[in-house]
C-alpha atoms as a PDB file:
ATOM      1  CA  MET A   1     -13.277 -21.063   3.275  1.00  0.00           C
ATOM      2  CA  ILE A   2      -9.585 -21.257   4.373  1.00  0.00           C
ATOM      3  CA  PHE A   3      -6.493 -19.105   3.026  1.00  0.00           C
ATOM      4  CA  GLU A   4      -3.294 -21.531   3.569  1.00  0.00           C
ATOM      5  CA  THR A   5      -0.813 -18.576   3.968  1.00  0.00           C
ATOM      6  CA  HIS A   6       2.395 -20.490   3.637  1.00  0.00           C
ATOM      7  CA  ALA A   7       2.896 -23.867   1.928  1.00  0.00           C
ATOM      8  CA  HIS A   8       5.921 -25.778  -0.093  1.00  0.00           C
ATOM      9  CA  TYR A   9       4.430 -27.649  -2.809  1.00  0.00           C
ATOM     10  CA  ASP A  10       7.309 -27.112  -4.757  1.00  0.00           C
ATOM     11  CA  ASP A  11       9.098 -29.703  -2.173  1.00  0.00           C
ATOM     12  CA  ARG A  12      10.432 -32.871  -3.584  1.00  0.00           C
ATOM     13  CA  ALA A  13       7.910 -34.589  -1.214  1.00  0.00           C
ATOM     14  CA  PHE A  14       4.791 -33.901  -3.459  1.00  0.00           C
ATOM     15  CA  ASP A  15       6.542 -35.107  -6.885  1.00  0.00           C
ATOM     16  CA  ASP A  16       4.812 -38.245  -7.128  1.00  0.00           C
ATOM     17  CA  ASP A  17       1.280 -36.658  -6.535  1.00  0.00           C
ATOM     18  CA  ARG A  18       1.587 -32.859  -6.872  1.00  0.00           C
ATOM     19  CA  GLU A  19      -1.102 -32.144  -9.343  1.00  0.00           C
ATOM     20  CA  GLU A  20      -3.707 -34.596  -7.529  1.00  0.00           C
ATOM     21  CA  VAL A  21      -3.340 -32.746  -4.060  1.00  0.00           C
ATOM     22  CA  ILE A  22      -3.264 -29.161  -5.675  1.00  0.00           C
ATOM     23  CA  GLU A  23      -6.423 -30.045  -7.474  1.00  0.00           C
ATOM     24  CA  SER A  24      -8.013 -31.488  -4.482  1.00  0.00           C
ATOM     25  CA  LEU A  25      -7.677 -28.394  -2.416  1.00  0.00           C
ATOM     26  CA  LYS A  26     -10.743 -26.646  -3.589  1.00  0.00           C
ATOM     27  CA  GLN A  27     -12.936 -29.312  -2.797  1.00  0.00           C
ATOM     28  CA  GLU A  28     -11.620 -29.448   0.949  1.00  0.00           C
ATOM     29  CA  ASN A  29     -12.458 -25.930   1.203  1.00  0.00           C
ATOM     30  CA  ILE A  30      -9.024 -24.536   0.731  1.00  0.00           C
ATOM     31  CA  ASP A  31      -9.680 -21.553  -1.224  1.00  0.00           C
ATOM     32  CA  ARG A  32      -6.280 -19.560  -1.579  1.00  0.00           C
ATOM     33  CA  VAL A  33      -2.529 -21.054  -1.231  1.00  0.00           C
ATOM     34  CA  VAL A  34       0.699 -19.137  -1.016  1.00  0.00           C
ATOM     35  CA  ASN A  35       3.342 -20.996  -2.002  1.00  0.00           C
ATOM     36  CA  VAL A  36       6.589 -19.787  -0.277  1.00  0.00           C
ATOM     37  CA  GLY A  37      10.201 -19.583  -1.962  1.00  0.00           C
ATOM     38  CA  ALA A  38      12.975 -20.787   0.176  1.00  0.00           C
ATOM     39  CA  ASP A  39      16.220 -20.205  -2.117  1.00  0.00           C
ATOM     40  CA  MET A  40      16.516 -18.703  -5.891  1.00  0.00           C
ATOM     41  CA  ALA A  41      15.395 -22.020  -7.267  1.00  0.00           C
ATOM     42  CA  SER A  42      12.275 -22.591  -4.976  1.00  0.00           C
ATOM     43  CA  SER A  43      11.191 -18.978  -5.586  1.00  0.00           C
ATOM     44  CA  LYS A  44      11.223 -19.441  -9.635  1.00  0.00           C
ATOM     45  CA  ILE A  45       9.330 -22.496  -9.135  1.00  0.00           C
ATOM     46  CA  SER A  46       6.528 -20.673  -6.701  1.00  0.00           C
ATOM     47  CA  VAL A  47       5.844 -18.419  -9.555  1.00  0.00           C
ATOM     48  CA  GLU A  48       5.428 -21.160 -11.693  1.00  0.00           C
ATOM     49  CA  LEU A  49       3.232 -22.871  -9.623  1.00  0.00           C
ATOM     50  CA  SER A  50       1.001 -19.442  -9.133  1.00  0.00           C
ATOM     51  CA  GLU A  51       0.842 -19.132 -12.880  1.00  0.00           C
ATOM     52  CA  ARG A  52      -0.188 -22.472 -13.408  1.00  0.00           C
ATOM     53  CA  TYR A  53      -3.003 -22.766 -10.467  1.00  0.00           C
ATOM     54  CA  ASP A  54      -5.532 -19.960 -10.353  1.00  0.00           C
ATOM     55  CA  ASN A  55      -5.936 -20.256  -6.661  1.00  0.00           C
ATOM     56  CA  PHE A  56      -1.997 -20.059  -6.058  1.00  0.00           C
ATOM     57  CA  TYR A  57       0.148 -16.685  -5.240  1.00  0.00           C
ATOM     58  CA  ALA A  58       3.600 -17.165  -4.464  1.00  0.00           C
ATOM     59  CA  THR A  59       6.379 -15.496  -2.490  1.00  0.00           C
ATOM     60  CA  VAL A  60      10.246 -14.823  -3.549  1.00  0.00           C
ATOM     61  CA  GLY A  61      12.985 -14.652  -1.055  1.00  0.00           C
ATOM     62  CA  VAL A  62      16.047 -16.775   0.860  1.00  0.00           C
ATOM     63  CA  HIS A  63      15.481 -18.574   3.655  1.00  0.00           C
ATOM     64  CA  PRO A  64      18.188 -18.073   6.126  1.00  0.00           C
ATOM     65  CA  SER A  65      19.396 -21.472   6.089  1.00  0.00           C
ATOM     66  CA  GLU A  66      20.276 -21.244   2.366  1.00  0.00           C
ATOM     67  CA  VAL A  67      22.022 -17.639   2.218  1.00  0.00           C
ATOM     68  CA  GLU A  68      25.449 -19.156   1.702  1.00  0.00           C
ATOM     69  CA  GLY A  69      26.687 -18.338  -1.749  1.00  0.00           C
ATOM     70  CA  LEU A  70      24.076 -15.343  -2.428  1.00  0.00           C
ATOM     71  CA  VAL A  71      25.106 -12.558  -4.597  1.00  0.00           C
ATOM     72  CA  GLU A  72      24.121  -9.263  -4.968  1.00  0.00           C
ATOM     73  CA  GLU A  73      22.776 -10.262  -8.655  1.00  0.00           C
ATOM     74  CA  ASP A  74      20.521 -12.408  -6.740  1.00  0.00           C
ATOM     75  CA  MET A  75      18.413  -9.601  -5.361  1.00  0.00           C
ATOM     76  CA  GLU A  76      18.245  -7.911  -8.931  1.00  0.00           C
ATOM     77  CA  THR A  77      16.674 -11.353  -9.761  1.00  0.00           C
ATOM     78  CA  LEU A  78      14.229 -11.361  -7.243  1.00  0.00           C
ATOM     79  CA  GLU A  79      13.444  -7.634  -7.784  1.00  0.00           C
ATOM     80  CA  LYS A  80      12.812  -8.545 -11.719  1.00  0.00           C
ATOM     81  CA  LEU A  81      10.320 -11.586 -11.044  1.00  0.00           C
ATOM     82  CA  ILE A  82       8.391  -8.918  -8.740  1.00  0.00           C
ATOM     83  CA  ILE A  83       8.396  -6.343 -11.462  1.00  0.00           C
ATOM     84  CA  THR A  84       7.624  -8.739 -14.181  1.00  0.00           C
ATOM     85  CA  ASP A  85       4.628  -9.645 -12.201  1.00  0.00           C
ATOM     86  CA  ARG A  86       3.755  -6.151 -11.805  1.00  0.00           C
ATOM     87  CA  GLU A  87       3.462  -5.605 -15.314  1.00  0.00           C
ATOM     88  CA  LYS A  88       0.732  -8.135 -16.008  1.00  0.00           C
ATOM     89  CA  ILE A  89      -1.672  -5.731 -14.012  1.00  0.00           C
ATOM     90  CA  LYS A  90      -1.422  -3.832 -16.872  1.00  0.00           C
ATOM     91  CA  ASP A  91      -3.332  -6.387 -18.754  1.00  0.00           C
ATOM     92  CA  GLY A  92      -5.616  -6.836 -16.482  1.00  0.00           C
ATOM     93  CA  GLN A  93      -4.543  -9.783 -14.978  1.00  0.00           C
ATOM     94  CA  ARG A  94      -3.982 -10.385 -11.219  1.00  0.00           C
ATOM     95  CA  LYS A  95      -0.615  -9.971  -9.607  1.00  0.00           C
ATOM     96  CA  LYS A  96       0.576 -13.561  -8.243  1.00  0.00           C
ATOM     97  CA  ILE A  97       4.036 -12.372  -5.953  1.00  0.00           C
ATOM     98  CA  VAL A  98       2.395 -11.097  -2.936  1.00  0.00           C
ATOM     99  CA  ALA A  99       5.021 -10.973  -0.473  1.00  0.00           C
ATOM    100  CA  ILE A 100       9.029 -11.306  -0.186  1.00  0.00           C
ATOM    101  CA  GLY A 101       9.881 -14.583   1.778  1.00  0.00           C
ATOM    102  CA  GLU A 102      10.711 -16.533   3.628  1.00  0.00           C
ATOM    103  CA  ILE A 103      13.503 -14.417   5.044  1.00  0.00           C
ATOM    104  CA  GLY A 104      14.839 -13.896   8.399  1.00  0.00           C
ATOM    105  CA  LEU A 105      17.227 -15.516  11.074  1.00  0.00           C
ATOM    106  CA  ASP A 106      17.735 -19.067  12.288  1.00  0.00           C
ATOM    107  CA  TYR A 107      20.041 -19.365  15.149  1.00  0.00           C
ATOM    108  CA  HIS A 108      19.513 -22.901  15.904  1.00  0.00           C
ATOM    109  CA  TRP A 109      22.495 -24.446  13.868  1.00  0.00           C
ATOM    110  CA  ASP A 110      25.842 -22.949  13.634  1.00  0.00           C
ATOM    111  CA  GLU A 111      26.019 -22.513   9.859  1.00  0.00           C
ATOM    112  CA  PRO A 112      25.314 -20.638   7.964  1.00  0.00           C
ATOM    113  CA  GLY A 113      27.131 -17.919  10.179  1.00  0.00           C
ATOM    114  CA  ARG A 114      24.909 -15.143  12.008  1.00  0.00           C
ATOM    115  CA  GLU A 115      26.856 -12.268  10.347  1.00  0.00           C
ATOM    116  CA  LEU A 116      25.797 -13.574   7.247  1.00  0.00           C
ATOM    117  CA  GLN A 117      22.240 -14.601   7.877  1.00  0.00           C
ATOM    118  CA  ILE A 118      21.936 -10.927   9.153  1.00  0.00           C
ATOM    119  CA  LYS A 119      23.521  -9.327   5.929  1.00  0.00           C
ATOM    120  CA  TRP A 120      21.103 -11.015   3.719  1.00  0.00           C
ATOM    121  CA  PHE A 121      18.119 -10.714   5.983  1.00  0.00           C
ATOM    122  CA  LYS A 122      18.697  -6.833   5.682  1.00  0.00           C
ATOM    123  CA  GLU A 123      19.574  -6.943   2.192  1.00  0.00           C
ATOM    124  CA  GLN A 124      16.039  -8.743   1.503  1.00  0.00           C
ATOM    125  CA  LEU A 125      14.179  -6.356   4.092  1.00  0.00           C
ATOM    126  CA  LYS A 126      15.614  -3.061   1.607  1.00  0.00           C
ATOM    127  CA  LEU A 127      14.204  -4.622  -1.193  1.00  0.00           C
ATOM    128  CA  ALA A 128      10.780  -5.079   0.471  1.00  0.00           C
ATOM    129  CA  ALA A 129      10.932  -1.563   1.648  1.00  0.00           C
ATOM    130  CA  LYS A 130      11.792  -0.406  -2.109  1.00  0.00           C
ATOM    131  CA  LEU A 131       9.110  -2.413  -3.770  1.00  0.00           C
ATOM    132  CA  ASN A 132       6.646  -1.735  -0.789  1.00  0.00           C
ATOM    133  CA  MET A 133       6.007  -5.398  -0.200  1.00  0.00           C
ATOM    134  CA  PRO A 134       5.069  -7.390   2.678  1.00  0.00           C
ATOM    135  CA  VAL A 135       7.549  -9.858   4.096  1.00  0.00           C
ATOM    136  CA  VAL A 136       7.208 -13.636   5.592  1.00  0.00           C
ATOM    137  CA  ILE A 137       9.628 -13.611   8.403  1.00  0.00           C
ATOM    138  CA  HIS A 138      11.148 -17.210   9.526  1.00  0.00           C
ATOM    139  CA  SER A 139      12.650 -16.715  13.162  1.00  0.00           C
ATOM    140  CA  ARG A 140      14.159 -19.632  14.878  1.00  0.00           C
ATOM    141  CA  ASP A 141      16.218 -19.268  18.539  1.00  0.00           C
ATOM    142  CA  ALA A 142      17.076 -15.606  17.079  1.00  0.00           C
ATOM    143  CA  ALA A 143      13.467 -13.016  18.747  1.00  0.00           C
ATOM    144  CA  GLU A 144      15.465 -10.615  19.936  1.00  0.00           C
ATOM    145  CA  ASP A 145      17.871  -9.767  16.773  1.00  0.00           C
ATOM    146  CA  THR A 146      14.952 -10.630  14.760  1.00  0.00           C
ATOM    147  CA  TYR A 147      13.076  -7.922  16.128  1.00  0.00           C
ATOM    148  CA  ASN A 148      15.846  -5.228  16.467  1.00  0.00           C
ATOM    149  CA  ILE A 149      16.536  -5.570  12.667  1.00  0.00           C
ATOM    150  CA  LEU A 150      12.566  -5.592  11.722  1.00  0.00           C
ATOM    151  CA  GLU A 151      12.243  -2.430  14.029  1.00  0.00           C
ATOM    152  CA  GLU A 152      15.244  -0.729  11.978  1.00  0.00           C
ATOM    153  CA  TYR A 153      13.197  -1.239   8.959  1.00  0.00           C
ATOM    154  CA  VAL A 154       9.398  -0.666   9.868  1.00  0.00           C
ATOM    155  CA  LYS A 155       8.597   2.881   8.658  1.00  0.00           C
ATOM    156  CA  GLY A 156       5.750   4.621   8.404  1.00  0.00           C
ATOM    157  CA  GLU A 157       2.045   2.979   9.118  1.00  0.00           C
ATOM    158  CA  SER A 158       1.569  -0.518   8.182  1.00  0.00           C
ATOM    159  CA  VAL A 159      -1.912  -2.263   7.376  1.00  0.00           C
ATOM    160  CA  PHE A 160      -1.815  -3.835  10.510  1.00  0.00           C
ATOM    161  CA  SER A 161       0.529  -1.581  12.633  1.00  0.00           C
ATOM    162  CA  THR A 162      -0.326   0.341  16.056  1.00  0.00           C
ATOM    163  CA  ASN A 163       2.958   2.573  15.189  1.00  0.00           C
ATOM    164  CA  THR A 164       1.607   5.772  14.413  1.00  0.00           C
ATOM    165  CA  SER A 165       5.145   7.728  14.139  1.00  0.00           C
ATOM    166  CA  GLY A 166       4.917   8.429  10.657  1.00  0.00           C
ATOM    167  CA  GLY A 167       8.095   9.099   8.727  1.00  0.00           C
ATOM    168  CA  GLU A 168       9.305   8.730   5.382  1.00  0.00           C
ATOM    169  CA  GLY A 169       9.840   5.781   3.623  1.00  0.00           C
ATOM    170  CA  ASN A 170       7.839   2.754   2.512  1.00  0.00           C
ATOM    171  CA  LYS A 171       6.534   0.635   5.458  1.00  0.00           C
ATOM    172  CA  ILE A 172       7.728  -3.042   6.418  1.00  0.00           C
ATOM    173  CA  TYR A 173       5.259  -5.721   7.548  1.00  0.00           C
ATOM    174  CA  GLY A 174       4.106  -9.115   7.076  1.00  0.00           C
ATOM    175  CA  ILE A 175       3.728 -12.354   8.829  1.00  0.00           C
ATOM    176  CA  ILE A 176       5.893 -14.072  11.583  1.00  0.00           C
ATOM    177  CA  HIS A 177       5.766 -17.560  10.414  1.00  0.00           C
ATOM    178  CA  CYS A 178       5.673 -20.282  12.271  1.00  0.00           C
ATOM    179  CA  TYR A 179       5.786 -18.617  15.551  1.00  0.00           C
ATOM    180  CA  SER A 180       7.246 -20.180  18.421  1.00  0.00           C
ATOM    181  CA  TYR A 181       8.210 -17.490  20.873  1.00  0.00           C
ATOM    182  CA  THR A 182       6.370 -16.342  23.893  1.00  0.00           C
ATOM    183  CA  PRO A 183       3.082 -14.642  23.924  1.00  0.00           C
ATOM    184  CA  GLU A 184       4.606 -10.953  25.063  1.00  0.00           C
ATOM    185  CA  MET A 185       7.280 -11.333  22.101  1.00  0.00           C
ATOM    186  CA  ALA A 186       4.329 -11.828  19.792  1.00  0.00           C
ATOM    187  CA  LYS A 187       2.583  -8.734  20.899  1.00  0.00           C
ATOM    188  CA  ARG A 188       5.982  -6.679  20.349  1.00  0.00           C
ATOM    189  CA  PHE A 189       6.054  -8.053  16.906  1.00  0.00           C
ATOM    190  CA  ILE A 190       2.176  -6.975  16.213  1.00  0.00           C
ATOM    191  CA  ASN A 191       3.055  -3.670  17.280  1.00  0.00           C
ATOM    192  CA  LEU A 192       5.767  -3.408  14.597  1.00  0.00           C
ATOM    193  CA  GLY A 193       2.914  -4.147  12.193  1.00  0.00           C
ATOM    194  CA  PHE A 194       3.269  -7.837  11.905  1.00  0.00           C
ATOM    195  CA  VAL A 195       0.405 -10.845  12.250  1.00  0.00           C
ATOM    196  CA  ILE A 196       1.142 -14.031  13.700  1.00  0.00           C
ATOM    197  CA  GLY A 197       1.232 -17.423  11.566  1.00  0.00           C
ATOM    198  CA  ILE A 198      -0.143 -20.142  13.556  1.00  0.00           C
ATOM    199  CA  GLY A 199      -0.075 -24.040  11.902  1.00  0.00           C
ATOM    200  CA  GLY A 200      -0.148 -27.417  13.323  1.00  0.00           C
ATOM    201  CA  VAL A 201       2.343 -27.074  16.091  1.00  0.00           C
ATOM    202  CA  LEU A 202      -0.640 -25.584  17.981  1.00  0.00           C
ATOM    203  CA  THR A 203      -2.558 -29.193  18.153  1.00  0.00           C
ATOM    204  CA  PHE A 204       0.963 -30.668  19.820  1.00  0.00           C
ATOM    205  CA  LYS A 205       0.109 -31.754  23.528  1.00  0.00           C
ATOM    206  CA  ASN A 206       3.620 -30.210  24.554  1.00  0.00           C
ATOM    207  CA  ALA A 207       3.190 -26.867  22.581  1.00  0.00           C
ATOM    208  CA  LYS A 208       2.610 -24.661  25.595  1.00  0.00           C
ATOM    209  CA  LYS A 209       3.879 -21.289  24.109  1.00  0.00           C
ATOM    210  CA  ILE A 210       1.836 -21.255  20.931  1.00  0.00           C
ATOM    211  CA  LYS A 211      -1.228 -22.414  23.073  1.00  0.00           C
ATOM    212  CA  GLU A 212      -0.645 -19.497  25.046  1.00  0.00           C
ATOM    213  CA  THR A 213      -0.293 -17.105  22.508  1.00  0.00           C
ATOM    214  CA  ALA A 214      -3.340 -18.360  20.712  1.00  0.00           C
ATOM    215  CA  LYS A 215      -5.151 -17.738  23.770  1.00  0.00           C
ATOM    216  CA  GLU A 216      -3.683 -14.271  24.395  1.00  0.00           C
ATOM    217  CA  LEU A 217      -3.727 -12.658  20.942  1.00  0.00           C
ATOM    218  CA  PRO A 218      -6.817 -10.919  19.111  1.00  0.00           C
ATOM    219  CA  LEU A 219      -7.951 -13.220  16.377  1.00  0.00           C
ATOM    220  CA  ASP A 220      -7.151 -10.266  13.862  1.00  0.00           C
ATOM    221  CA  LYS A 221      -3.783 -10.917  14.306  1.00  0.00           C
ATOM    222  CA  ILE A 222      -3.623 -14.233  13.404  1.00  0.00           C
ATOM    223  CA  VAL A 223      -3.169 -16.095   9.872  1.00  0.00           C
ATOM    224  CA  ILE A 224      -3.210 -19.766   9.791  1.00  0.00           C
ATOM    225  CA  GLU A 225      -0.588 -22.012   7.705  1.00  0.00           C
ATOM    226  CA  THR A 226       0.851 -25.599   7.151  1.00  0.00           C
ATOM    227  CA  ASP A 227       4.497 -25.185   6.333  1.00  0.00           C
ATOM    228  CA  CYS A 228       3.509 -28.122   4.594  1.00  0.00           C
ATOM    229  CA  PRO A 229       5.293 -30.980   3.991  1.00  0.00           C
ATOM    230  CA  TYR A 230       6.461 -30.135   7.237  1.00  0.00           C
ATOM    231  CA  MET A 231       4.743 -30.016  10.544  1.00  0.00           C
ATOM    232  CA  ALA A 232       1.837 -32.126  10.120  1.00  0.00           C
ATOM    233  CA  PRO A 233      -0.768 -31.489  12.752  1.00  0.00           C
ATOM    234  CA  GLU A 234      -2.357 -33.964  15.336  1.00  0.00           C
ATOM    235  CA  PRO A 235      -3.914 -36.587  14.155  1.00  0.00           C
ATOM    236  CA  ASN A 236      -1.370 -36.937  11.297  1.00  0.00           C
ATOM    237  CA  ARG A 237       1.782 -35.485  13.092  1.00  0.00           C
ATOM    238  CA  GLY A 238       4.847 -37.242  11.946  1.00  0.00           C
ATOM    239  CA  LYS A 239       2.996 -37.315   8.477  1.00  0.00           C
ATOM    240  CA  ARG A 240       3.569 -35.550   5.157  1.00  0.00           C
ATOM    241  CA  ASN A 241       1.634 -32.601   5.604  1.00  0.00           C
ATOM    242  CA  ASP A 242      -0.935 -30.713   3.306  1.00  0.00           C
ATOM    243  CA  SER A 243      -3.307 -27.475   3.384  1.00  0.00           C
ATOM    244  CA  ARG A 244      -6.124 -30.375   3.759  1.00  0.00           C
ATOM    245  CA  ASN A 245      -4.939 -30.591   7.485  1.00  0.00           C
ATOM    246  CA  LEU A 246      -5.604 -26.921   8.222  1.00  0.00           C
ATOM    247  CA  LYS A 247      -8.993 -27.992   9.380  1.00  0.00           C
ATOM    248  CA  TYR A 248      -7.295 -29.417  12.774  1.00  0.00           C
ATOM    249  CA  VAL A 249      -5.578 -25.986  13.005  1.00  0.00           C
ATOM    250  CA  VAL A 250      -8.799 -24.431  12.536  1.00  0.00           C
ATOM    251  CA  GLU A 251     -10.422 -26.823  15.070  1.00  0.00           C
ATOM    252  CA  ALA A 252      -7.861 -25.971  17.704  1.00  0.00           C
ATOM    253  CA  LEU A 253      -7.788 -22.148  17.006  1.00  0.00           C
ATOM    254  CA  ALA A 254     -11.507 -22.475  17.729  1.00  0.00           C
ATOM    255  CA  GLU A 255     -11.396 -24.289  21.044  1.00  0.00           C
ATOM    256  CA  PHE A 256      -8.786 -21.769  22.494  1.00  0.00           C
ATOM    257  CA  LYS A 257     -10.660 -18.519  21.012  1.00  0.00           C
ATOM    258  CA  GLU A 258     -13.842 -20.156  22.392  1.00  0.00           C
ATOM    259  CA  THR A 259     -15.566 -19.503  19.114  1.00  0.00           C
ATOM    260  CA  ASP A 260     -17.027 -21.370  16.158  1.00  0.00           C
ATOM    261  CA  VAL A 261     -14.743 -22.670  13.002  1.00  0.00           C
ATOM    262  CA  GLU A 262     -16.537 -20.475  10.550  1.00  0.00           C
ATOM    263  CA  THR A 263     -15.316 -17.398  12.647  1.00  0.00           C
ATOM    264  CA  ILE A 264     -11.632 -18.852  12.618  1.00  0.00           C
ATOM    265  CA  GLU A 265     -12.023 -19.366   8.887  1.00  0.00           C
ATOM    266  CA  LYS A 266     -13.551 -16.158   8.202  1.00  0.00           C
ATOM    267  CA  VAL A 267     -11.627 -13.824  10.231  1.00  0.00           C
ATOM    268  CA  THR A 268      -8.105 -15.594   9.169  1.00  0.00           C
ATOM    269  CA  TYR A 269      -8.944 -14.984   5.608  1.00  0.00           C
ATOM    270  CA  GLU A 270      -9.704 -11.822   6.113  1.00  0.00           C
ATOM    271  CA  ASN A 271      -6.299 -11.356   7.691  1.00  0.00           C
ATOM    272  CA  ALA A 272      -4.234 -13.199   4.890  1.00  0.00           C
ATOM    273  CA  CYS A 273      -6.364 -11.253   2.182  1.00  0.00           C
ATOM    274  CA  LYS A 274      -5.380  -7.934   3.913  1.00  0.00           C
ATOM    275  CA  VAL A 275      -1.606  -8.743   4.518  1.00  0.00           C
ATOM    276  CA  TYR A 276      -1.238 -10.087   1.127  1.00  0.00           C
ATOM    277  CA  ASP A 277      -3.229  -7.390  -0.305  1.00  0.00           C
ATOM    278  CA  VAL A 278      -5.038  -9.653  -2.814  1.00  0.00           C
ATOM    279  CA  PRO A 279      -9.125  -9.364  -3.039  1.00  0.00           C
ATOM    280  CA  GLN A 280     -11.640 -11.093  -0.804  1.00  0.00           C
ATOM    281  CA  VAL A 281     -13.964 -13.446  -2.415  1.00  0.00           C
END
């Protein structure tokens, strides 16, 4: 079984057949899906999807490209969504909001400005620390700033961390989504307590850095994702992506790790359950 750790089924690309695609996933070996919020509206829709579909979970957060216009009340709204979700546990229901994200830094474009991105990145990290939630990190052309800011907020020992410095405060840990940097940078993030999200780019012929990263990292520090409807793997590159394409990522990862697909599925599933703190089957 496969755990899809990062999808956007709220995207307009699925407006014509969203339910059909989602209903087909279990028949295609996709056991669990985390639908990731990218702004205030999509965060709320992600929660709705998680409530509608038993195998769905949600994250809530604001992508760095969407931070213009954010106000403090938006952070309060995100907190209320999480607290309300946690109240369900008292009634014997499962929690459905499993992380804050996707948040981070994107320096590929000039706007929003870097200072504004950093401000809201830090505000959402503060919220994650307050609520003891993992985070889903978007980082593009911003490796050092992302690392330095996360290092500020890492406290205590995360469920994946090799950091045993201790100290007061809640831990910050989670997933570096759609990883695009060097193997050396990945190891630095891992030492902070993060795991690395690998998706369809792994299958691209010219994706040298992620192929090297996949080879060098221990499998227990990797989770798999699509980022659908974007980033479809070969042989479907350029088409709308969905979680059924994860089989190609699994096959490529098995090749690089010199193991079988069953091992890749099993270990990455366990890793995802661990970081998102959801029960294994």
